[in-house]
């Protein structure tokens, strides 16, 4: 599975941004689709994920209530909608996927996109 993110950019504090991930090479129908982020000098961290069975979602506490993940299996696409953005949300955002099982740990994921930069100005 190949993943490519798009939609990153510069946004002001309090603004919104939608980041997309398009998959190719296989249908994402039975894959968990997740987002991670990595700020400069920091470890890569879990942002959220959407399950393949019932579109159930999980989010990190740091973004809960401000972030929504959705998927369109027909388009092999997953979206990350981010609202009320803060400077601490500045990071490279990565799309990742694994089959069947939800996870929050980087090492659990088999496929990664190259990432897209999101910068939130104060």
N, C-alpha and C. Protein backbone atom coordinates (compact mmCIF):
# COMPACT_ATOMS: atom_id res chain seq x y z
N UNK A 1 0.85 -1.19 0.00
CA UNK A 1 0.00 0.00 0.00
C UNK A 1 0.89 1.25 0.00
N UNK A 2 0.60 2.16 -0.89
CA UNK A 2 1.33 3.43 -0.92
C UNK A 2 0.37 4.53 -0.44
N UNK A 3 0.92 5.43 0.37
CA UNK A 3 0.13 6.51 0.93
C UNK A 3 0.76 7.86 0.57
N UNK A 4 -0.08 8.83 0.24
CA UNK A 4 0.42 10.17 -0.03
C UNK A 4 -0.50 11.18 0.64
N UNK A 5 0.09 12.02 1.47
CA UNK A 5 -0.67 13.07 2.13
C UNK A 5 -0.64 14.35 1.31
N UNK A 6 -1.66 15.17 1.51
CA UNK A 6 -1.70 16.50 0.90
C UNK A 6 -2.56 17.41 1.76
N UNK A 7 -2.42 18.71 1.54
CA UNK A 7 -3.27 19.66 2.23
C UNK A 7 -2.64 20.38 3.38
N UNK A 8 -1.38 20.08 3.68
CA UNK A 8 -0.72 20.82 4.74
C UNK A 8 -0.46 22.26 4.32
N UNK A 9 -0.01 23.06 5.28
CA UNK A 9 0.28 24.45 4.96
C UNK A 9 0.38 25.29 6.21
N UNK A 10 0.29 26.59 6.00
CA UNK A 10 0.40 27.56 7.09
C UNK A 10 -0.98 28.07 7.44
N UNK A 11 -1.29 28.09 8.73
CA UNK A 11 -2.59 28.56 9.19
C UNK A 11 -2.38 29.32 10.50
N UNK A 12 -3.25 30.27 10.75
CA UNK A 12 -3.14 31.05 12.00
C UNK A 12 -3.78 30.30 13.16
N UNK A 13 -3.35 30.66 14.35
CA UNK A 13 -3.96 30.09 15.56
C UNK A 13 -5.48 30.27 15.52
N UNK A 14 -6.17 29.20 15.84
CA UNK A 14 -7.62 29.23 15.81
C UNK A 14 -8.22 28.83 14.48
N UNK A 15 -7.40 28.70 13.48
CA UNK A 15 -7.88 28.36 12.15
C UNK A 15 -8.10 26.87 11.97
N UNK A 16 -8.49 26.51 10.75
CA UNK A 16 -8.79 25.12 10.42
C UNK A 16 -7.99 24.69 9.20
N UNK A 17 -7.80 23.39 9.12
CA UNK A 17 -7.06 22.82 7.99
C UNK A 17 -7.54 21.39 7.79
N UNK A 18 -7.63 21.00 6.54
CA UNK A 18 -7.99 19.62 6.26
C UNK A 18 -6.85 18.96 5.49
N UNK A 19 -6.40 17.87 5.99
CA UNK A 19 -5.31 17.12 5.37
C UNK A 19 -5.88 15.81 4.83
N UNK A 20 -5.44 15.44 3.64
CA UNK A 20 -5.94 14.24 2.99
C UNK A 20 -4.84 13.21 2.84
N UNK A 21 -5.26 11.96 2.77
CA UNK A 21 -4.34 10.85 2.49
C UNK A 21 -5.00 9.95 1.46
N UNK A 22 -4.30 9.75 0.35
CA UNK A 22 -4.81 8.87 -0.69
C UNK A 22 -3.95 7.62 -0.73
N UNK A 23 -4.62 6.48 -0.74
CA UNK A 23 -3.93 5.20 -0.76
C UNK A 23 -4.01 4.60 -2.15
N UNK A 24 -2.99 3.85 -2.50
CA UNK A 24 -2.98 3.12 -3.77
C UNK A 24 -2.31 1.77 -3.53
N UNK A 25 -2.56 0.86 -4.44
CA UNK A 25 -1.93 -0.45 -4.35
C UNK A 25 -2.83 -1.51 -3.75
N UNK A 26 -3.81 -1.09 -3.02
CA UNK A 26 -4.77 -2.01 -2.42
C UNK A 26 -5.96 -1.18 -1.94
N UNK A 27 -7.09 -1.81 -1.82
CA UNK A 27 -8.24 -1.14 -1.23
C UNK A 27 -8.04 -1.01 0.27
N UNK A 28 -8.44 0.15 0.83
CA UNK A 28 -8.29 0.35 2.28
C UNK A 28 -9.48 -0.18 3.05
N UNK A 29 -10.33 -0.91 2.37
CA UNK A 29 -11.60 -1.34 2.95
C UNK A 29 -11.44 -2.04 4.30
N UNK A 30 -10.38 -2.85 4.45
CA UNK A 30 -10.22 -3.55 5.72
C UNK A 30 -8.94 -3.13 6.45
N UNK A 31 -8.57 -1.89 6.24
CA UNK A 31 -7.40 -1.32 6.92
C UNK A 31 -7.84 -0.28 7.95
N UNK A 32 -7.13 -0.25 9.06
CA UNK A 32 -7.23 0.87 9.98
C UNK A 32 -6.39 2.01 9.40
N UNK A 33 -6.96 3.19 9.33
CA UNK A 33 -6.26 4.36 8.79
C UNK A 33 -6.00 5.32 9.94
N UNK A 34 -4.74 5.69 10.10
CA UNK A 34 -4.35 6.50 11.25
C UNK A 34 -3.54 7.71 10.84
N UNK A 35 -3.51 8.67 11.75
CA UNK A 35 -2.68 9.85 11.58
C UNK A 35 -1.74 9.96 12.77
N UNK A 36 -0.50 10.27 12.45
CA UNK A 36 0.51 10.57 13.44
C UNK A 36 1.10 11.93 13.10
N UNK A 37 1.83 12.50 14.04
CA UNK A 37 2.52 13.75 13.76
C UNK A 37 3.85 13.77 14.49
N UNK A 38 4.75 14.56 13.93
CA UNK A 38 6.07 14.68 14.53
C UNK A 38 6.51 16.14 14.48
N UNK A 39 6.62 16.72 15.65
CA UNK A 39 7.10 18.09 15.77
C UNK A 39 8.62 18.09 15.76
N UNK A 40 9.24 19.20 15.42
CA UNK A 40 10.70 19.28 15.41
C UNK A 40 11.28 18.87 16.75
N UNK A 41 12.22 17.93 16.72
CA UNK A 41 12.89 17.50 17.94
C UNK A 41 12.09 16.58 18.82
N UNK A 42 10.91 16.17 18.37
CA UNK A 42 10.04 15.34 19.19
C UNK A 42 9.85 13.96 18.56
N UNK A 43 9.32 13.06 19.35
CA UNK A 43 8.98 11.74 18.85
C UNK A 43 7.70 11.83 18.00
N UNK A 44 7.57 10.88 17.11
CA UNK A 44 6.33 10.79 16.35
C UNK A 44 5.23 10.31 17.29
N UNK A 45 4.07 10.96 17.23
CA UNK A 45 3.00 10.63 18.15
C UNK A 45 1.68 10.39 17.44
N UNK A 46 0.87 9.58 18.06
CA UNK A 46 -0.45 9.25 17.55
C UNK A 46 -1.37 10.45 17.63
N UNK A 47 -2.13 10.68 16.57
CA UNK A 47 -3.13 11.75 16.55
C UNK A 47 -4.53 11.15 16.61
N UNK A 48 -4.79 10.19 15.75
CA UNK A 48 -6.10 9.56 15.72
C UNK A 48 -6.15 8.48 14.67
N UNK A 49 -7.24 7.71 14.71
CA UNK A 49 -7.39 6.60 13.78
C UNK A 49 -8.86 6.33 13.55
N UNK A 50 -9.12 5.71 12.41
CA UNK A 50 -10.48 5.31 12.08
C UNK A 50 -10.48 3.84 11.70
N UNK A 51 -11.39 3.10 12.30
CA UNK A 51 -11.43 1.67 12.10
C UNK A 51 -12.15 1.33 10.80
N UNK A 52 -11.86 0.16 10.28
CA UNK A 52 -12.48 -0.24 9.02
C UNK A 52 -13.85 -0.87 9.21
N UNK A 53 -14.15 -1.39 10.40
CA UNK A 53 -15.39 -2.13 10.59
C UNK A 53 -16.59 -1.19 10.66
N UNK A 54 -16.55 -0.23 11.54
CA UNK A 54 -17.73 0.60 11.80
C UNK A 54 -17.40 2.09 11.73
N UNK A 55 -16.24 2.41 11.14
CA UNK A 55 -15.77 3.80 11.11
C UNK A 55 -15.62 4.40 12.51
N UNK A 56 -15.45 3.54 13.49
CA UNK A 56 -15.18 4.02 14.83
C UNK A 56 -13.85 4.76 14.88
N UNK A 57 -13.77 5.78 15.71
CA UNK A 57 -12.57 6.59 15.77
C UNK A 57 -11.98 6.65 17.17
N UNK A 58 -10.70 6.88 17.21
CA UNK A 58 -9.99 7.14 18.46
C UNK A 58 -9.11 8.36 18.24
N UNK A 59 -8.97 9.16 19.28
CA UNK A 59 -8.15 10.36 19.16
C UNK A 59 -7.25 10.50 20.38
N UNK A 60 -6.11 11.10 20.17
CA UNK A 60 -5.25 11.46 21.28
C UNK A 60 -5.92 12.55 22.11
N UNK A 61 -5.65 12.56 23.39
CA UNK A 61 -6.25 13.56 24.28
C UNK A 61 -5.91 14.98 23.84
N UNK A 62 -4.73 15.14 23.28
CA UNK A 62 -4.25 16.48 22.91
C UNK A 62 -5.06 17.10 21.77
N UNK A 63 -5.77 16.28 21.01
CA UNK A 63 -6.53 16.81 19.87
C UNK A 63 -8.02 16.53 19.96
N UNK A 64 -8.42 15.76 20.95
CA UNK A 64 -9.83 15.35 21.06
C UNK A 64 -10.73 16.58 21.14
N UNK A 65 -11.78 16.56 20.34
CA UNK A 65 -12.71 17.68 20.28
C UNK A 65 -12.35 18.72 19.24
N UNK A 66 -11.14 18.64 18.72
CA UNK A 66 -10.70 19.60 17.70
C UNK A 66 -10.42 18.93 16.36
N UNK A 67 -10.38 17.62 16.36
CA UNK A 67 -9.98 16.86 15.19
C UNK A 67 -11.04 15.82 14.84
N UNK A 68 -11.28 15.65 13.55
CA UNK A 68 -12.20 14.61 13.08
C UNK A 68 -11.54 13.86 11.94
N UNK A 69 -11.58 12.54 12.03
CA UNK A 69 -11.06 11.69 10.95
C UNK A 69 -12.23 11.01 10.27
N UNK A 70 -12.20 11.01 8.96
CA UNK A 70 -13.23 10.33 8.19
C UNK A 70 -12.57 9.59 7.03
N UNK A 71 -13.31 8.67 6.45
CA UNK A 71 -12.75 7.88 5.35
C UNK A 71 -13.79 7.71 4.26
N UNK A 72 -13.29 7.54 3.04
CA UNK A 72 -14.12 7.22 1.88
C UNK A 72 -13.46 6.04 1.20
N UNK A 73 -13.97 4.86 1.48
CA UNK A 73 -13.35 3.65 0.94
C UNK A 73 -13.42 3.61 -0.59
N UNK A 74 -14.48 4.14 -1.14
CA UNK A 74 -14.63 4.14 -2.59
C UNK A 74 -13.53 4.95 -3.26
N UNK A 75 -13.07 5.99 -2.58
CA UNK A 75 -12.02 6.84 -3.13
C UNK A 75 -10.65 6.51 -2.53
N UNK A 76 -10.61 5.49 -1.66
CA UNK A 76 -9.35 5.11 -1.01
C UNK A 76 -8.69 6.30 -0.32
N UNK A 77 -9.52 7.08 0.37
CA UNK A 77 -9.06 8.33 0.94
C UNK A 77 -9.46 8.43 2.41
N UNK A 78 -8.59 9.03 3.20
CA UNK A 78 -8.91 9.35 4.58
C UNK A 78 -8.60 10.82 4.81
N UNK A 79 -9.45 11.49 5.56
CA UNK A 79 -9.32 12.92 5.81
C UNK A 79 -9.08 13.19 7.28
N UNK A 80 -8.28 14.21 7.53
CA UNK A 80 -8.04 14.70 8.88
C UNK A 80 -8.46 16.16 8.91
N UNK A 81 -9.58 16.43 9.55
CA UNK A 81 -10.07 17.80 9.69
C UNK A 81 -9.64 18.33 11.04
N UNK A 82 -8.89 19.42 11.02
CA UNK A 82 -8.37 20.00 12.26
C UNK A 82 -8.93 21.40 12.44
N UNK A 83 -9.50 21.65 13.59
CA UNK A 83 -10.08 22.94 13.92
C UNK A 83 -9.43 23.51 15.17
N UNK A 84 -9.66 24.79 15.39
CA UNK A 84 -9.12 25.45 16.59
C UNK A 84 -7.63 25.15 16.77
N UNK A 85 -6.90 25.29 15.69
CA UNK A 85 -5.50 24.91 15.70
C UNK A 85 -4.67 25.81 16.61
N UNK A 86 -3.66 25.20 17.21
CA UNK A 86 -2.76 25.88 18.16
C UNK A 86 -1.33 25.78 17.64
N UNK A 87 -0.46 26.67 18.06
CA UNK A 87 0.94 26.57 17.63
C UNK A 87 1.56 25.21 17.95
N UNK A 88 1.15 24.59 19.02
CA UNK A 88 1.70 23.27 19.37
C UNK A 88 1.22 22.16 18.46
N UNK A 89 0.32 22.45 17.55
CA UNK A 89 -0.08 21.48 16.53
C UNK A 89 0.88 21.49 15.34
N UNK A 90 1.81 22.41 15.33
CA UNK A 90 2.79 22.46 14.26
C UNK A 90 3.62 21.19 14.23
N UNK A 91 3.63 20.53 13.07
CA UNK A 91 4.31 19.24 12.95
C UNK A 91 4.22 18.77 11.51
N UNK A 92 4.95 17.70 11.23
CA UNK A 92 4.73 16.95 10.00
C UNK A 92 3.68 15.90 10.32
N UNK A 93 2.64 15.86 9.53
CA UNK A 93 1.55 14.92 9.74
C UNK A 93 1.67 13.76 8.77
N UNK A 94 1.61 12.55 9.34
CA UNK A 94 1.79 11.34 8.57
C UNK A 94 0.52 10.50 8.59
N UNK A 95 0.21 9.95 7.45
CA UNK A 95 -0.84 8.96 7.32
C UNK A 95 -0.17 7.58 7.45
N UNK A 96 -0.82 6.69 8.16
CA UNK A 96 -0.27 5.34 8.33
C UNK A 96 -1.42 4.35 8.31
N UNK A 97 -1.10 3.12 7.96
CA UNK A 97 -2.15 2.12 7.90
C UNK A 97 -1.63 0.74 8.27
N UNK A 98 -2.53 -0.05 8.79
CA UNK A 98 -2.27 -1.44 9.07
C UNK A 98 -3.59 -2.17 8.92
N UNK A 99 -3.47 -3.46 8.68
CA UNK A 99 -4.67 -4.24 8.44
C UNK A 99 -5.35 -4.62 9.76
N UNK A 100 -6.66 -4.48 9.79
CA UNK A 100 -7.55 -5.02 10.81
C UNK A 100 -7.52 -4.32 12.17
N UNK A 101 -6.35 -4.18 12.79
CA UNK A 101 -6.32 -3.84 14.21
C UNK A 101 -5.90 -2.40 14.45
N UNK A 102 -6.62 -1.75 15.36
CA UNK A 102 -6.31 -0.39 15.77
C UNK A 102 -5.03 -0.40 16.60
N UNK A 103 -4.25 0.68 16.49
CA UNK A 103 -3.05 0.79 17.31
C UNK A 103 -2.64 2.23 17.44
N UNK A 104 -1.88 2.52 18.48
CA UNK A 104 -1.43 3.88 18.73
C UNK A 104 0.09 4.01 18.73
N UNK A 105 0.75 2.92 18.38
CA UNK A 105 2.21 2.90 18.45
C UNK A 105 2.80 2.86 17.04
N UNK A 106 3.82 3.67 16.83
CA UNK A 106 4.43 3.78 15.51
C UNK A 106 4.83 2.42 14.95
N UNK A 107 5.43 1.59 15.79
CA UNK A 107 5.97 0.31 15.32
C UNK A 107 4.89 -0.67 14.89
N UNK A 108 3.64 -0.39 15.23
CA UNK A 108 2.56 -1.30 14.86
C UNK A 108 2.12 -1.11 13.41
N UNK A 109 2.58 -0.06 12.76
CA UNK A 109 2.08 0.27 11.43
C UNK A 109 3.04 -0.16 10.34
N UNK A 110 2.46 -0.68 9.26
CA UNK A 110 3.23 -1.26 8.18
C UNK A 110 3.53 -0.28 7.06
N UNK A 111 2.63 0.66 6.84
CA UNK A 111 2.75 1.54 5.68
C UNK A 111 2.60 2.99 6.13
N UNK A 112 3.45 3.83 5.54
CA UNK A 112 3.49 5.25 5.90
C UNK A 112 3.57 6.12 4.66
N UNK A 113 2.95 7.29 4.76
CA UNK A 113 3.15 8.30 3.74
C UNK A 113 4.38 9.13 4.05
N UNK A 114 4.81 9.98 3.13
CA UNK A 114 6.00 10.80 3.33
C UNK A 114 5.76 11.97 4.28
N UNK A 115 4.49 12.29 4.55
CA UNK A 115 4.18 13.37 5.48
C UNK A 115 3.88 14.69 4.78
N UNK A 116 3.15 15.53 5.49
CA UNK A 116 2.86 16.87 5.00
C UNK A 116 3.00 17.85 6.17
N UNK A 117 3.59 19.00 5.89
CA UNK A 117 3.89 19.96 6.94
C UNK A 117 2.66 20.80 7.27
N UNK A 118 2.42 20.95 8.56
CA UNK A 118 1.39 21.86 9.05
C UNK A 118 2.06 22.83 10.01
N UNK A 119 1.93 24.11 9.72
CA UNK A 119 2.50 25.14 10.59
C UNK A 119 1.39 26.06 11.07
N UNK A 120 1.31 26.22 12.38
CA UNK A 120 0.30 27.09 12.97
C UNK A 120 1.02 28.30 13.56
N UNK A 121 0.74 29.45 13.02
CA UNK A 121 1.40 30.67 13.49
C UNK A 121 0.64 31.28 14.66
N UNK A 122 1.41 31.86 15.57
CA UNK A 122 0.78 32.47 16.76
C UNK A 122 0.45 33.93 16.53
